[in-house]
Amino acid sequence: MAKRFSRLGCLLVAMSLCANAGAQSTCTHEFALSYGLGSTSGFVAVSASVIAAIFGATIDYSFIGPVAGEYFYHVSELVGVGGVVSYAAFKDKKTPGNEPMNCIALLPGVKLDWLRREQFGMYSKLCAGAACLTSPGESTDTEERSGPSGSLFFNFQASLLGVEFGGGVRGFVEAGVGEQGFLLAGARFRF
């Protein structure tokens, strides 16, 4: 019986925090779109071209992305929980008409808003999850192109410093390392 009352008490406290969300800026939702430079999947593609060069092949990649969407729900003024979905593509410039390699990552994470003002904020973010790197099927002289092949691997994003500015719609810049890149920028929508 005591456990039921303690659960009910926790529920009432959470509801009262959400009811006062405007005054205390807790229980907010954030959705962001970003574009970055230097993703971990890009590092994998560059490493593959270096290994290919060791064996005499040359690969010259063009990169698209990483483009990412993220959502965080703030359980307090300091802590937000959510995740990131990102997409990146790599194409060999020397093989026209060849389909690009694609990387899709799903990274659950935590965002820590250690400075949160009405028009300005600073934060750190840590996300870890998995990514799927798919490469187009290869064709040989005797058979048609096979289906795409893919590999699943661990991926992450660790943004040590993020700076955001604006009101309900904020611009932001982050510096860190991971699938979203070592430098990324975008727009964040808070509601």
N, C-alpha and C. Protein backbone atom coordinates (compact mmCIF):
# COMPACT_ATOMS: atom_id res chain seq x y z
N MET A 1 0.82 -1.19 0.00
CA MET A 1 0.00 0.00 0.00
C MET A 1 0.87 1.26 0.00
N ALA A 2 1.97 1.22 0.73
CA ALA A 2 2.87 2.37 0.77
C ALA A 2 3.50 2.63 -0.59
N LYS A 3 3.79 1.54 -1.33
CA LYS A 3 4.38 1.70 -2.66
C LYS A 3 3.41 2.42 -3.60
N ARG A 4 2.11 2.10 -3.49
CA ARG A 4 1.11 2.76 -4.35
C ARG A 4 1.07 4.25 -4.06
N PHE A 5 1.10 4.62 -2.76
CA PHE A 5 1.06 6.04 -2.41
C PHE A 5 2.34 6.75 -2.87
N SER A 6 3.48 6.07 -2.79
CA SER A 6 4.72 6.71 -3.23
C SER A 6 4.72 6.91 -4.75
N ARG A 7 4.19 5.94 -5.50
CA ARG A 7 4.07 6.10 -6.95
C ARG A 7 3.09 7.22 -7.29
N LEU A 8 1.98 7.29 -6.56
CA LEU A 8 1.00 8.34 -6.79
C LEU A 8 1.62 9.70 -6.47
N GLY A 9 2.40 9.77 -5.41
CA GLY A 9 3.08 11.01 -5.05
C GLY A 9 4.06 11.46 -6.13
N CYS A 10 4.84 10.51 -6.66
CA CYS A 10 5.78 10.83 -7.75
C CYS A 10 5.03 11.32 -8.98
N LEU A 11 3.91 10.69 -9.29
CA LEU A 11 3.11 11.10 -10.44
C LEU A 11 2.58 12.52 -10.25
N LEU A 12 2.08 12.83 -9.04
CA LEU A 12 1.56 14.17 -8.77
C LEU A 12 2.65 15.23 -8.86
N VAL A 13 3.85 14.91 -8.36
CA VAL A 13 4.97 15.86 -8.45
C VAL A 13 5.32 16.11 -9.91
N ALA A 14 5.39 15.04 -10.72
CA ALA A 14 5.71 15.19 -12.15
C ALA A 14 4.65 16.01 -12.86
N MET A 15 3.38 15.79 -12.54
CA MET A 15 2.31 16.55 -13.17
C MET A 15 2.37 18.02 -12.78
N SER A 16 2.71 18.30 -11.53
CA SER A 16 2.80 19.70 -11.11
C SER A 16 3.99 20.40 -11.76
N LEU A 17 5.09 19.66 -11.97
CA LEU A 17 6.23 20.24 -12.69
C LEU A 17 5.85 20.59 -14.11
N CYS A 18 5.11 19.69 -14.77
CA CYS A 18 4.69 19.95 -16.14
C CYS A 18 3.68 21.09 -16.21
N ALA A 19 2.86 21.22 -15.21
CA ALA A 19 1.88 22.31 -15.19
C ALA A 19 2.57 23.66 -15.05
N ASN A 20 3.72 23.68 -14.37
CA ASN A 20 4.48 24.91 -14.20
C ASN A 20 5.61 25.04 -15.22
N ALA A 21 5.50 24.34 -16.34
CA ALA A 21 6.58 24.29 -17.33
C ALA A 21 6.94 25.67 -17.86
N GLY A 22 5.96 26.53 -18.06
CA GLY A 22 6.24 27.86 -18.59
C GLY A 22 7.10 28.67 -17.65
N ALA A 23 6.85 28.56 -16.37
CA ALA A 23 7.60 29.35 -15.40
C ALA A 23 8.99 28.77 -15.15
N GLN A 24 9.11 27.44 -15.14
CA GLN A 24 10.38 26.84 -14.78
C GLN A 24 11.15 26.28 -15.96
N SER A 25 10.59 26.32 -17.16
CA SER A 25 11.17 25.79 -18.40
C SER A 25 11.55 24.32 -18.28
N THR A 26 10.76 23.54 -17.53
CA THR A 26 10.96 22.10 -17.50
C THR A 26 9.92 21.45 -18.40
N CYS A 27 10.08 20.15 -18.62
CA CYS A 27 9.15 19.39 -19.45
C CYS A 27 9.01 19.96 -20.85
N THR A 28 10.10 20.44 -21.44
CA THR A 28 10.05 20.97 -22.79
C THR A 28 10.48 19.90 -23.79
N HIS A 29 9.99 20.07 -24.99
CA HIS A 29 10.34 19.20 -26.10
C HIS A 29 11.25 19.98 -27.03
N GLU A 30 12.24 19.31 -27.61
CA GLU A 30 13.13 19.94 -28.57
C GLU A 30 13.28 19.02 -29.77
N PHE A 31 13.13 19.60 -30.95
CA PHE A 31 13.38 18.89 -32.19
C PHE A 31 14.40 19.70 -32.98
N ALA A 32 15.43 19.06 -33.51
CA ALA A 32 16.48 19.80 -34.23
C ALA A 32 16.84 19.10 -35.54
N LEU A 33 17.24 19.90 -36.50
CA LEU A 33 17.78 19.43 -37.78
C LEU A 33 19.18 20.00 -37.91
N SER A 34 20.14 19.16 -38.35
CA SER A 34 21.52 19.63 -38.44
C SER A 34 22.25 19.04 -39.64
N TYR A 35 23.34 19.68 -39.97
CA TYR A 35 24.27 19.19 -41.00
C TYR A 35 25.66 19.29 -40.41
N GLY A 36 26.47 18.23 -40.59
CA GLY A 36 27.78 18.22 -39.96
C GLY A 36 28.92 17.91 -40.91
N LEU A 37 30.12 18.02 -40.39
CA LEU A 37 31.35 17.72 -41.12
C LEU A 37 32.17 16.72 -40.32
N GLY A 38 32.68 15.69 -41.00
CA GLY A 38 33.60 14.76 -40.35
C GLY A 38 32.94 13.69 -39.51
N SER A 39 32.01 12.94 -40.08
CA SER A 39 31.31 11.88 -39.34
C SER A 39 32.18 10.63 -39.20
N THR A 40 31.82 9.76 -38.25
CA THR A 40 32.55 8.50 -38.08
C THR A 40 32.34 7.58 -39.28
N SER A 41 31.15 7.59 -39.90
CA SER A 41 30.96 6.77 -41.09
C SER A 41 31.80 7.30 -42.25
N GLY A 42 31.99 8.61 -42.32
CA GLY A 42 32.89 9.19 -43.31
C GLY A 42 34.32 8.74 -43.08
N PHE A 43 34.70 8.64 -41.81
CA PHE A 43 36.02 8.14 -41.46
C PHE A 43 36.18 6.69 -41.93
N VAL A 44 35.11 5.88 -41.78
CA VAL A 44 35.14 4.50 -42.25
C VAL A 44 35.34 4.46 -43.76
N ALA A 45 34.62 5.32 -44.50
CA ALA A 45 34.75 5.37 -45.96
C ALA A 45 36.16 5.80 -46.38
N VAL A 46 36.71 6.81 -45.71
CA VAL A 46 38.06 7.26 -46.03
C VAL A 46 39.07 6.17 -45.70
N SER A 47 38.89 5.47 -44.59
CA SER A 47 39.78 4.36 -44.23
C SER A 47 39.75 3.27 -45.28
N ALA A 48 38.55 2.98 -45.81
CA ALA A 48 38.42 1.97 -46.87
C ALA A 48 39.20 2.39 -48.11
N SER A 49 39.16 3.68 -48.46
CA SER A 49 39.89 4.14 -49.63
C SER A 49 41.40 4.08 -49.40
N VAL A 50 41.84 4.33 -48.16
CA VAL A 50 43.27 4.22 -47.85
C VAL A 50 43.73 2.77 -47.98
N ILE A 51 42.93 1.85 -47.45
CA ILE A 51 43.26 0.42 -47.57
C ILE A 51 43.26 -0.01 -49.03
N ALA A 52 42.27 0.49 -49.80
CA ALA A 52 42.24 0.17 -51.24
C ALA A 52 43.47 0.72 -51.93
N ALA A 53 43.95 1.90 -51.55
CA ALA A 53 45.14 2.50 -52.16
C ALA A 53 46.38 1.67 -51.86
N ILE A 54 46.44 1.06 -50.68
CA ILE A 54 47.58 0.20 -50.34
C ILE A 54 47.67 -0.97 -51.32
N PHE A 55 46.51 -1.48 -51.75
CA PHE A 55 46.47 -2.61 -52.67
C PHE A 55 46.38 -2.17 -54.14
N GLY A 56 46.60 -0.90 -54.42
CA GLY A 56 46.67 -0.43 -55.79
C GLY A 56 45.41 0.17 -56.37
N ALA A 57 44.29 0.09 -55.71
CA ALA A 57 43.05 0.67 -56.21
C ALA A 57 42.94 2.11 -55.73
N THR A 58 42.24 2.93 -56.50
CA THR A 58 42.02 4.30 -56.07
C THR A 58 40.51 4.55 -56.00
N ILE A 59 40.10 5.14 -54.91
CA ILE A 59 38.70 5.50 -54.70
C ILE A 59 38.67 6.97 -54.32
N ASP A 60 37.85 7.74 -54.99
CA ASP A 60 37.72 9.17 -54.71
C ASP A 60 36.26 9.42 -54.31
N TYR A 61 36.00 9.60 -53.03
CA TYR A 61 34.63 9.73 -52.54
C TYR A 61 34.15 11.17 -52.54
N SER A 62 32.87 11.34 -52.84
CA SER A 62 32.18 12.59 -52.55
C SER A 62 31.21 12.29 -51.41
N PHE A 63 31.07 13.22 -50.48
CA PHE A 63 30.29 12.99 -49.28
C PHE A 63 29.01 13.82 -49.28
N ILE A 64 27.95 13.24 -48.77
CA ILE A 64 26.70 13.95 -48.50
C ILE A 64 26.39 13.70 -47.03
N GLY A 65 26.31 14.76 -46.27
CA GLY A 65 25.93 14.60 -44.87
C GLY A 65 27.14 14.58 -43.97
N PRO A 66 26.88 14.31 -42.75
CA PRO A 66 25.67 13.75 -42.17
C PRO A 66 24.57 14.79 -41.94
N VAL A 67 23.38 14.40 -42.34
CA VAL A 67 22.18 15.17 -42.06
C VAL A 67 21.49 14.44 -40.91
N ALA A 68 21.07 15.17 -39.89
CA ALA A 68 20.52 14.51 -38.71
C ALA A 68 19.28 15.22 -38.20
N GLY A 69 18.41 14.44 -37.59
CA GLY A 69 17.27 14.95 -36.84
C GLY A 69 17.39 14.42 -35.43
N GLU A 70 17.05 15.24 -34.47
CA GLU A 70 17.13 14.79 -33.07
C GLU A 70 15.93 15.29 -32.29
N TYR A 71 15.60 14.52 -31.27
CA TYR A 71 14.50 14.89 -30.37
C TYR A 71 14.96 14.66 -28.95
N PHE A 72 14.72 15.64 -28.08
CA PHE A 72 15.01 15.51 -26.66
C PHE A 72 13.83 16.02 -25.85
N TYR A 73 13.51 15.27 -24.81
CA TYR A 73 12.48 15.65 -23.84
C TYR A 73 13.19 15.98 -22.54
N HIS A 74 12.95 17.17 -22.01
CA HIS A 74 13.63 17.60 -20.79
C HIS A 74 12.87 17.13 -19.56
N VAL A 75 13.49 16.23 -18.83
CA VAL A 75 12.90 15.75 -17.58
C VAL A 75 13.18 16.72 -16.44
N SER A 76 14.15 17.62 -16.63
CA SER A 76 14.44 18.69 -15.69
C SER A 76 15.08 19.83 -16.49
N GLU A 77 15.42 20.91 -15.81
CA GLU A 77 16.08 22.01 -16.51
C GLU A 77 17.46 21.61 -17.00
N LEU A 78 18.10 20.66 -16.35
CA LEU A 78 19.44 20.24 -16.71
C LEU A 78 19.47 19.08 -17.70
N VAL A 79 18.60 18.09 -17.54
CA VAL A 79 18.71 16.82 -18.27
C VAL A 79 17.60 16.66 -19.31
N GLY A 80 18.01 16.32 -20.52
CA GLY A 80 17.09 15.96 -21.60
C GLY A 80 17.42 14.57 -22.09
N VAL A 81 16.42 13.75 -22.34
CA VAL A 81 16.64 12.40 -22.87
C VAL A 81 15.96 12.31 -24.23
N GLY A 82 16.56 11.58 -25.13
CA GLY A 82 16.01 11.45 -26.48
C GLY A 82 16.96 10.69 -27.37
N GLY A 83 17.14 11.21 -28.58
CA GLY A 83 18.02 10.52 -29.50
C GLY A 83 18.21 11.25 -30.81
N VAL A 84 19.08 10.68 -31.64
CA VAL A 84 19.46 11.25 -32.92
C VAL A 84 19.30 10.19 -34.00
N VAL A 85 18.78 10.59 -35.14
CA VAL A 85 18.77 9.76 -36.35
C VAL A 85 19.55 10.53 -37.40
N SER A 86 20.55 9.89 -37.99
CA SER A 86 21.35 10.60 -38.99
C SER A 86 21.49 9.78 -40.27
N TYR A 87 21.77 10.50 -41.36
CA TYR A 87 21.96 9.88 -42.67
C TYR A 87 23.18 10.50 -43.34
N ALA A 88 24.01 9.66 -43.91
CA ALA A 88 25.15 10.12 -44.69
C ALA A 88 25.30 9.22 -45.91
N ALA A 89 25.82 9.76 -47.00
CA ALA A 89 26.04 8.98 -48.22
C ALA A 89 27.42 9.29 -48.77
N PHE A 90 28.03 8.28 -49.38
CA PHE A 90 29.37 8.39 -49.95
C PHE A 90 29.34 7.76 -51.33
N LYS A 91 29.86 8.49 -52.30
CA LYS A 91 29.84 8.00 -53.67
C LYS A 91 31.22 8.11 -54.29
N ASP A 92 31.63 7.05 -55.00
CA ASP A 92 32.91 7.05 -55.70
C ASP A 92 32.75 7.91 -56.96
N LYS A 93 33.50 9.01 -57.03
CA LYS A 93 33.39 9.93 -58.17
C LYS A 93 33.89 9.31 -59.47
N LYS A 94 34.77 8.33 -59.37
CA LYS A 94 35.36 7.73 -60.56
C LYS A 94 34.45 6.69 -61.21
N THR A 95 33.36 6.33 -60.56
CA THR A 95 32.44 5.33 -61.12
C THR A 95 31.09 5.99 -61.34
N PRO A 96 30.88 6.64 -62.49
CA PRO A 96 29.59 7.31 -62.72
C PRO A 96 28.46 6.29 -62.83
N GLY A 97 27.31 6.66 -62.32
CA GLY A 97 26.15 5.78 -62.36
C GLY A 97 26.10 4.77 -61.24
N ASN A 98 27.16 4.66 -60.47
CA ASN A 98 27.19 3.72 -59.35
C ASN A 98 26.41 4.30 -58.18
N GLU A 99 25.64 3.47 -57.49
CA GLU A 99 24.86 3.93 -56.35
C GLU A 99 25.78 4.25 -55.17
N PRO A 100 25.40 5.21 -54.34
CA PRO A 100 26.25 5.57 -53.20
C PRO A 100 26.13 4.55 -52.06
N MET A 101 27.14 4.56 -51.19
CA MET A 101 27.04 3.84 -49.92
C MET A 101 26.24 4.75 -48.99
N ASN A 102 25.36 4.16 -48.19
CA ASN A 102 24.53 4.92 -47.27
C ASN A 102 24.79 4.48 -45.84
N CYS A 103 24.72 5.43 -44.93
CA CYS A 103 24.84 5.12 -43.51
C CYS A 103 23.68 5.77 -42.77
N ILE A 104 22.91 4.94 -42.07
CA ILE A 104 21.81 5.42 -41.25
C ILE A 104 22.12 5.02 -39.81
N ALA A 105 22.09 5.99 -38.90
CA ALA A 105 22.43 5.74 -37.50
C ALA A 105 21.27 6.10 -36.60
N LEU A 106 21.05 5.29 -35.58
CA LEU A 106 20.05 5.54 -34.54
C LEU A 106 20.80 5.56 -33.21
N LEU A 107 20.81 6.75 -32.57
CA LEU A 107 21.65 6.97 -31.40
C LEU A 107 20.84 7.54 -30.24
N PRO A 108 20.37 6.72 -29.30
CA PRO A 108 19.73 7.25 -28.10
C PRO A 108 20.76 8.06 -27.30
N GLY A 109 20.27 9.10 -26.59
CA GLY A 109 21.24 9.92 -25.89
C GLY A 109 20.68 10.78 -24.78
N VAL A 110 21.61 11.55 -24.20
CA VAL A 110 21.32 12.47 -23.09
C VAL A 110 21.93 13.82 -23.44
N LYS A 111 21.18 14.88 -23.17
CA LYS A 111 21.65 16.24 -23.39
C LYS A 111 21.65 16.95 -22.04
N LEU A 112 22.76 17.59 -21.70
CA LEU A 112 22.88 18.32 -20.44
C LEU A 112 22.97 19.81 -20.73
N ASP A 113 21.92 20.54 -20.40
CA ASP A 113 21.88 22.00 -20.57
C ASP A 113 22.46 22.66 -19.34
N TRP A 114 23.76 22.93 -19.35
CA TRP A 114 24.37 23.48 -18.15
C TRP A 114 24.30 24.98 -18.10
N LEU A 115 23.85 25.64 -19.17
CA LEU A 115 23.52 27.07 -19.12
C LEU A 115 22.29 27.25 -20.01
N ARG A 116 21.18 27.63 -19.40
CA ARG A 116 19.93 27.72 -20.14
C ARG A 116 19.26 29.05 -19.81
N ARG A 117 19.33 29.97 -20.76
CA ARG A 117 18.69 31.27 -20.63
C ARG A 117 17.60 31.39 -21.69
N GLU A 118 16.83 32.45 -21.63
CA GLU A 118 15.72 32.61 -22.57
C GLU A 118 16.18 32.73 -24.02
N GLN A 119 17.27 33.45 -24.28
CA GLN A 119 17.76 33.65 -25.66
C GLN A 119 19.10 32.99 -25.95
N PHE A 120 19.66 32.25 -24.99
CA PHE A 120 21.00 31.68 -25.16
C PHE A 120 21.14 30.43 -24.30
N GLY A 121 21.90 29.47 -24.78
CA GLY A 121 22.14 28.27 -23.99
C GLY A 121 23.45 27.61 -24.37
N MET A 122 24.01 26.86 -23.43
CA MET A 122 25.21 26.05 -23.67
C MET A 122 24.93 24.66 -23.12
N TYR A 123 25.42 23.65 -23.81
CA TYR A 123 25.09 22.28 -23.43
C TYR A 123 26.16 21.31 -23.91
N SER A 124 26.05 20.09 -23.42
CA SER A 124 26.85 18.95 -23.87
C SER A 124 25.88 17.83 -24.19
N LYS A 125 26.30 16.91 -25.07
CA LYS A 125 25.41 15.84 -25.51
C LYS A 125 26.22 14.57 -25.68
N LEU A 126 25.66 13.43 -25.24
CA LEU A 126 26.30 12.14 -25.42
C LEU A 126 25.26 11.15 -25.92
N CYS A 127 25.51 10.57 -27.10
CA CYS A 127 24.60 9.60 -27.70
C CYS A 127 25.40 8.37 -28.12
N ALA A 128 24.81 7.20 -27.99
CA ALA A 128 25.47 5.96 -28.41
C ALA A 128 24.42 5.00 -28.92
N GLY A 129 24.74 4.31 -30.00
CA GLY A 129 23.79 3.36 -30.57
C GLY A 129 24.43 2.58 -31.70
N ALA A 130 23.67 2.38 -32.77
CA ALA A 130 24.13 1.57 -33.88
C ALA A 130 23.92 2.30 -35.20
N ALA A 131 24.72 1.92 -36.18
CA ALA A 131 24.60 2.46 -37.52
C ALA A 131 24.66 1.30 -38.52
N CYS A 132 23.97 1.47 -39.62
CA CYS A 132 23.97 0.48 -40.68
C CYS A 132 24.58 1.12 -41.92
N LEU A 133 25.68 0.54 -42.40
CA LEU A 133 26.36 1.02 -43.60
C LEU A 133 26.01 0.06 -44.73
N THR A 134 25.31 0.55 -45.74
CA THR A 134 24.94 -0.29 -46.87
C THR A 134 25.73 0.13 -48.09
N SER A 135 26.20 -0.85 -48.81
CA SER A 135 26.91 -0.57 -50.06
C SER A 135 26.13 -1.19 -51.20
N PRO A 136 26.18 -0.57 -52.38
CA PRO A 136 25.43 -1.11 -53.50
C PRO A 136 25.97 -2.47 -53.91
N GLY A 137 25.12 -3.27 -54.50
CA GLY A 137 25.56 -4.57 -55.00
C GLY A 137 26.54 -4.40 -56.14
N GLU A 138 27.47 -5.32 -56.25
CA GLU A 138 28.47 -5.24 -57.30
C GLU A 138 28.07 -6.13 -58.46
N SER A 139 28.46 -5.75 -59.66
CA SER A 139 28.15 -6.58 -60.82
C SER A 139 29.44 -7.15 -61.39
N THR A 140 29.33 -8.32 -61.97
CA THR A 140 30.46 -8.95 -62.64
C THR A 140 30.10 -9.13 -64.10
N ASP A 141 31.03 -9.60 -64.89
CA ASP A 141 30.77 -9.79 -66.32
C ASP A 141 29.74 -10.89 -66.57
N THR A 142 29.66 -11.88 -65.70
CA THR A 142 28.80 -13.03 -65.95
C THR A 142 27.44 -12.94 -65.29
N GLU A 143 27.26 -12.06 -64.34
CA GLU A 143 25.95 -11.98 -63.67
C GLU A 143 25.55 -10.53 -63.45
N GLU A 144 24.28 -10.36 -63.22
CA GLU A 144 23.79 -9.00 -62.97
C GLU A 144 24.14 -8.58 -61.56
N ARG A 145 23.86 -7.32 -61.31
CA ARG A 145 24.16 -6.74 -60.00
C ARG A 145 23.43 -7.50 -58.89
N SER A 146 24.17 -7.79 -57.84
CA SER A 146 23.55 -8.42 -56.68
C SER A 146 22.87 -7.35 -55.84
N GLY A 147 22.10 -7.76 -54.85
CA GLY A 147 21.42 -6.80 -53.98
C GLY A 147 22.40 -6.08 -53.08
N PRO A 148 21.95 -5.00 -52.45
CA PRO A 148 22.85 -4.26 -51.57
C PRO A 148 23.24 -5.09 -50.36
N SER A 149 24.45 -4.85 -49.88
CA SER A 149 24.90 -5.53 -48.67
C SER A 149 25.09 -4.48 -47.59
N GLY A 150 24.97 -4.89 -46.34
CA GLY A 150 25.07 -3.93 -45.25
C GLY A 150 25.81 -4.50 -44.07
N SER A 151 26.30 -3.61 -43.24
CA SER A 151 26.95 -4.02 -42.01
C SER A 151 26.49 -3.10 -40.88
N LEU A 152 26.31 -3.69 -39.73
CA LEU A 152 25.85 -2.98 -38.53
C LEU A 152 27.06 -2.78 -37.63
N PHE A 153 27.22 -1.56 -37.10
CA PHE A 153 28.35 -1.30 -36.21
C PHE A 153 27.96 -0.27 -35.16
N PHE A 154 28.73 -0.25 -34.07
CA PHE A 154 28.53 0.70 -32.98
C PHE A 154 28.86 2.10 -33.48
N ASN A 155 28.06 3.07 -33.07
CA ASN A 155 28.33 4.45 -33.43
C ASN A 155 27.93 5.36 -32.26
N PHE A 156 28.36 6.61 -32.30
CA PHE A 156 28.14 7.51 -31.17
C PHE A 156 28.20 8.96 -31.64
N GLN A 157 27.85 9.86 -30.75
CA GLN A 157 28.09 11.29 -30.90
C GLN A 157 28.38 11.85 -29.52
N ALA A 158 29.53 12.47 -29.36
CA ALA A 158 29.89 13.13 -28.11
C ALA A 158 30.18 14.59 -28.43
N SER A 159 29.23 15.45 -28.15
CA SER A 159 29.39 16.89 -28.37
C SER A 159 29.76 17.53 -27.04
N LEU A 160 31.00 17.93 -26.92
CA LEU A 160 31.47 18.50 -25.66
C LEU A 160 30.93 19.89 -25.43
N LEU A 161 30.80 20.67 -26.52
CA LEU A 161 30.31 22.03 -26.37
C LEU A 161 29.30 22.34 -27.46
N GLY A 162 28.11 22.71 -27.04
CA GLY A 162 27.08 23.18 -27.94
C GLY A 162 26.62 24.55 -27.51
N VAL A 163 26.42 25.43 -28.47
CA VAL A 163 25.95 26.79 -28.19
C VAL A 163 24.70 27.02 -29.02
N GLU A 164 23.63 27.51 -28.38
CA GLU A 164 22.39 27.79 -29.09
C GLU A 164 21.94 29.21 -28.77
N PHE A 165 21.24 29.81 -29.73
CA PHE A 165 20.82 31.20 -29.55
C PHE A 165 19.49 31.40 -30.26
N GLY A 166 18.61 32.18 -29.63
CA GLY A 166 17.29 32.46 -30.17
C GLY A 166 16.22 32.12 -29.16
N GLY A 167 14.95 32.24 -29.57
CA GLY A 167 13.81 31.97 -28.68
C GLY A 167 13.27 30.56 -28.88
N GLY A 168 12.02 30.48 -29.38
CA GLY A 168 11.40 29.18 -29.62
C GLY A 168 12.07 28.42 -30.74
N VAL A 169 12.60 29.16 -31.72
CA VAL A 169 13.41 28.57 -32.79
C VAL A 169 14.83 29.07 -32.56
N ARG A 170 15.76 28.14 -32.39
CA ARG A 170 17.13 28.50 -32.07
C ARG A 170 18.10 27.97 -33.12
N GLY A 171 19.10 28.75 -33.42
CA GLY A 171 20.24 28.26 -34.20
C GLY A 171 21.23 27.66 -33.23
N PHE A 172 21.99 26.67 -33.69
CA PHE A 172 22.99 26.08 -32.80
C PHE A 172 24.21 25.63 -33.58
N VAL A 173 25.32 25.54 -32.85
CA VAL A 173 26.59 25.03 -33.35
C VAL A 173 27.14 24.11 -32.28
N GLU A 174 27.66 22.94 -32.69
CA GLU A 174 28.25 21.98 -31.74
C GLU A 174 29.63 21.58 -32.21
N ALA A 175 30.51 21.32 -31.25
CA ALA A 175 31.83 20.78 -31.51
C ALA A 175 31.97 19.49 -30.72
N GLY A 176 32.43 18.45 -31.37
CA GLY A 176 32.59 17.17 -30.70
C GLY A 176 33.18 16.14 -31.64
N VAL A 177 32.74 14.91 -31.48
CA VAL A 177 33.20 13.83 -32.34
C VAL A 177 32.09 12.79 -32.43
N GLY A 178 31.93 12.18 -33.61
CA GLY A 178 30.93 11.13 -33.76
C GLY A 178 30.22 11.19 -35.10
N GLU A 179 29.08 10.53 -35.18
CA GLU A 179 28.36 10.38 -36.44
C GLU A 179 27.77 11.69 -36.94
N GLN A 180 27.43 12.62 -36.07
CA GLN A 180 26.94 13.92 -36.53
C GLN A 180 28.07 14.83 -36.98
N GLY A 181 29.31 14.47 -36.68
CA GLY A 181 30.47 15.23 -37.12
C GLY A 181 31.23 15.89 -35.99
N PHE A 182 32.43 16.38 -36.33
CA PHE A 182 33.21 17.10 -35.33
C PHE A 182 32.76 18.55 -35.23
N LEU A 183 32.04 19.01 -36.26
CA LEU A 183 31.46 20.35 -36.24
C LEU A 183 30.11 20.26 -36.95
N LEU A 184 29.05 20.70 -36.29
CA LEU A 184 27.72 20.66 -36.89
C LEU A 184 26.95 21.91 -36.52
N ALA A 185 25.99 22.23 -37.38
CA ALA A 185 25.15 23.42 -37.16
C ALA A 185 23.74 23.10 -37.63
N GLY A 186 22.79 23.83 -37.08
CA GLY A 186 21.41 23.60 -37.49
C GLY A 186 20.44 24.50 -36.76
N ALA A 187 19.17 24.07 -36.80
CA ALA A 187 18.08 24.81 -36.15
C ALA A 187 17.37 23.89 -35.17
N ARG A 188 17.01 24.44 -34.03
CA ARG A 188 16.32 23.68 -32.98
C ARG A 188 14.98 24.36 -32.70
N PHE A 189 13.95 23.55 -32.61
CA PHE A 189 12.59 24.02 -32.34
C PHE A 189 12.20 23.55 -30.95
N ARG A 190 11.86 24.50 -30.08
CA ARG A 190 11.50 24.17 -28.69
C ARG A 190 10.01 24.42 -28.50
N PHE A 191 9.34 23.44 -27.89
CA PHE A 191 7.92 23.61 -27.58
C PHE A 191 7.54 22.84 -26.34
